[in-house]
Amino acid sequence: MSYDQQILKILTEAGERGISVQNISRHVYNLNCTFFHQPDYEEVRNYVQQYLLKNSKSQQSLIESTGQRGYYRLNTMGSKDAQQLMLLFRDDIVNDDVQPSTQQDLSLDLFDGVI
């Protein structure tokens, strides 16, 4: 999953209140840290900051500022793409929550006939 998709997923989970650039950067950084590779936090933070600034310029942008400095959210009122994105991510969450039905144990008992 690319940084862009991760940012959008985090903003979707944040909801209407929004989330700060610092917290988004931390989430993206943690999502990309592995045992063998750790990205530079400053590079991730700069990328997140530039992405949010670039994608929040107009009224129809996918992302909007909340009015509080450094906080962003999805623009669900002015952007049809954001509304569709919310539906897509919510469908993924609902499908992940569905638990498989319980199955009967059809295995044979090893000691069934032994007395």
Protein backbone atom coordinates (compact mmCIF):
# COMPACT_ATOMS: atom_id res chain seq x y z
CA MET A 1 0.00 0.00 0.00
CA SER A 2 1.45 3.37 -0.99
CA TYR A 3 1.82 6.36 1.30
CA ASP A 4 -1.11 8.05 -0.48
CA GLN A 5 -3.46 5.16 0.22
CA GLN A 6 -2.28 4.93 3.82
CA ILE A 7 -2.88 8.65 4.36
CA LEU A 8 -6.39 8.39 2.93
CA LYS A 9 -7.18 5.35 5.08
CA ILE A 10 -5.97 7.16 8.21
CA LEU A 11 -8.08 10.21 7.34
CA THR A 12 -11.08 7.95 6.79
CA GLU A 13 -10.64 6.39 10.21
CA ALA A 14 -10.14 9.81 11.83
CA GLY A 15 -13.61 10.95 10.80
CA GLU A 16 -15.06 14.46 10.94
CA ARG A 17 -12.80 15.81 13.70
CA GLY A 18 -9.72 15.26 11.59
CA ILE A 19 -6.20 14.39 12.63
CA SER A 20 -2.94 16.31 12.87
CA VAL A 21 -0.12 16.09 10.36
CA GLN A 22 2.15 14.82 13.13
CA ASN A 23 -0.19 11.93 13.98
CA ILE A 24 -0.73 11.03 10.32
CA SER A 25 3.03 11.02 9.80
CA ARG A 26 3.54 8.79 12.83
CA HIS A 27 0.88 6.32 11.63
CA VAL A 28 2.34 6.17 8.11
CA TYR A 29 5.85 5.73 9.51
CA ASN A 30 4.72 2.89 11.80
CA LEU A 31 2.84 1.18 8.96
CA ASN A 32 6.04 1.09 6.91
CA CYS A 33 8.52 0.02 9.59
CA THR A 34 9.64 -3.55 9.32
CA PHE A 35 12.35 -5.61 10.90
CA PHE A 36 14.59 -5.13 7.86
CA HIS A 37 13.63 -1.62 6.73
CA GLN A 38 12.93 1.58 8.62
CA PRO A 39 12.14 4.66 6.55
CA ASP A 40 13.48 8.04 7.61
CA TYR A 41 10.82 9.72 9.75
CA GLU A 42 11.61 13.20 8.42
CA GLU A 43 11.15 12.05 4.83
CA VAL A 44 7.80 10.47 5.70
CA ARG A 45 6.69 13.61 7.55
CA ASN A 46 7.71 15.86 4.64
CA TYR A 47 5.87 13.62 2.18
CA VAL A 48 2.70 13.60 4.30
CA GLN A 49 2.83 17.37 4.75
CA GLN A 50 3.33 18.02 1.03
CA TYR A 51 0.61 15.55 0.07
CA LEU A 52 -1.90 17.16 2.42
CA LEU A 53 -1.05 20.69 1.25
CA LYS A 54 -1.23 19.70 -2.42
CA ASN A 55 -4.56 17.89 -2.04
CA SER A 56 -6.37 20.49 0.07
CA LYS A 57 -6.11 23.59 -2.11
CA SER A 58 -9.63 23.97 -3.53
CA GLN A 59 -13.21 23.54 -2.31
CA GLN A 60 -13.61 20.33 -4.35
CA SER A 61 -10.37 18.76 -3.10
CA LEU A 62 -10.36 15.31 -1.58
CA ILE A 63 -8.87 16.64 1.67
CA GLU A 64 -9.69 19.79 3.62
CA SER A 65 -8.27 21.64 6.59
CA THR A 66 -10.44 21.54 9.71
CA GLY A 67 -9.80 25.18 10.51
CA GLN A 68 -7.41 24.23 13.27
CA ARG A 69 -3.80 24.65 12.24
CA GLY A 70 -2.22 21.39 11.09
CA TYR A 71 -5.41 19.29 11.23
CA TYR A 72 -6.94 17.70 8.15
CA ARG A 73 -9.94 15.54 7.27
CA LEU A 74 -11.63 14.13 4.20
CA ASN A 75 -13.82 16.67 2.39
CA THR A 76 -17.05 14.67 2.45
CA MET A 77 -19.28 17.66 1.67
CA GLY A 78 -17.52 19.11 -1.36
CA SER A 79 -15.91 16.05 -2.93
CA LYS A 80 -17.73 13.11 -4.49
CA ASP A 81 -14.42 11.21 -4.52
CA ALA A 82 -14.15 11.52 -0.73
CA GLN A 83 -17.69 10.21 -0.27
CA GLN A 84 -16.91 7.22 -2.48
CA LEU A 85 -13.65 6.63 -0.61
CA MET A 86 -15.50 6.58 2.72
CA LEU A 87 -17.83 3.92 1.34
CA LEU A 88 -14.97 1.81 0.00
CA PHE A 89 -13.00 1.85 3.25
CA ARG A 90 -16.12 1.16 5.32
CA ASP A 91 -16.94 -1.82 3.11
CA ASP A 92 -13.43 -3.15 3.76
CA ILE A 93 -13.89 -2.73 7.52
CA VAL A 94 -17.29 -4.46 7.47
CA ASN A 95 -15.91 -7.36 5.42
CA ASP A 96 -13.00 -7.75 7.83
CA ASP A 97 -15.38 -7.90 10.80
CA VAL A 98 -17.44 -10.75 9.35
CA GLN A 99 -16.38 -13.90 11.12
CA PRO A 100 -16.52 -17.26 9.40
CA SER A 101 -19.30 -19.56 10.55
CA THR A 102 -18.37 -22.21 13.07
CA GLN A 103 -17.71 -25.60 11.53
CA GLN A 104 -18.47 -28.97 13.02
CA ASP A 105 -15.59 -31.16 14.04
CA LEU A 106 -15.89 -34.16 11.70
CA SER A 107 -12.65 -35.80 12.75
CA LEU A 108 -12.72 -39.34 14.14
CA ASP A 109 -12.05 -39.96 17.80
CA LEU A 110 -8.95 -42.12 18.19
CA PHE A 111 -10.10 -43.79 21.42
CA ASP A 112 -13.82 -44.10 20.60
CA GLY A 113 -14.15 -47.91 20.63
CA VAL A 114 -11.40 -48.74 23.18
CA ILE A 115 -12.52 -49.90 26.64
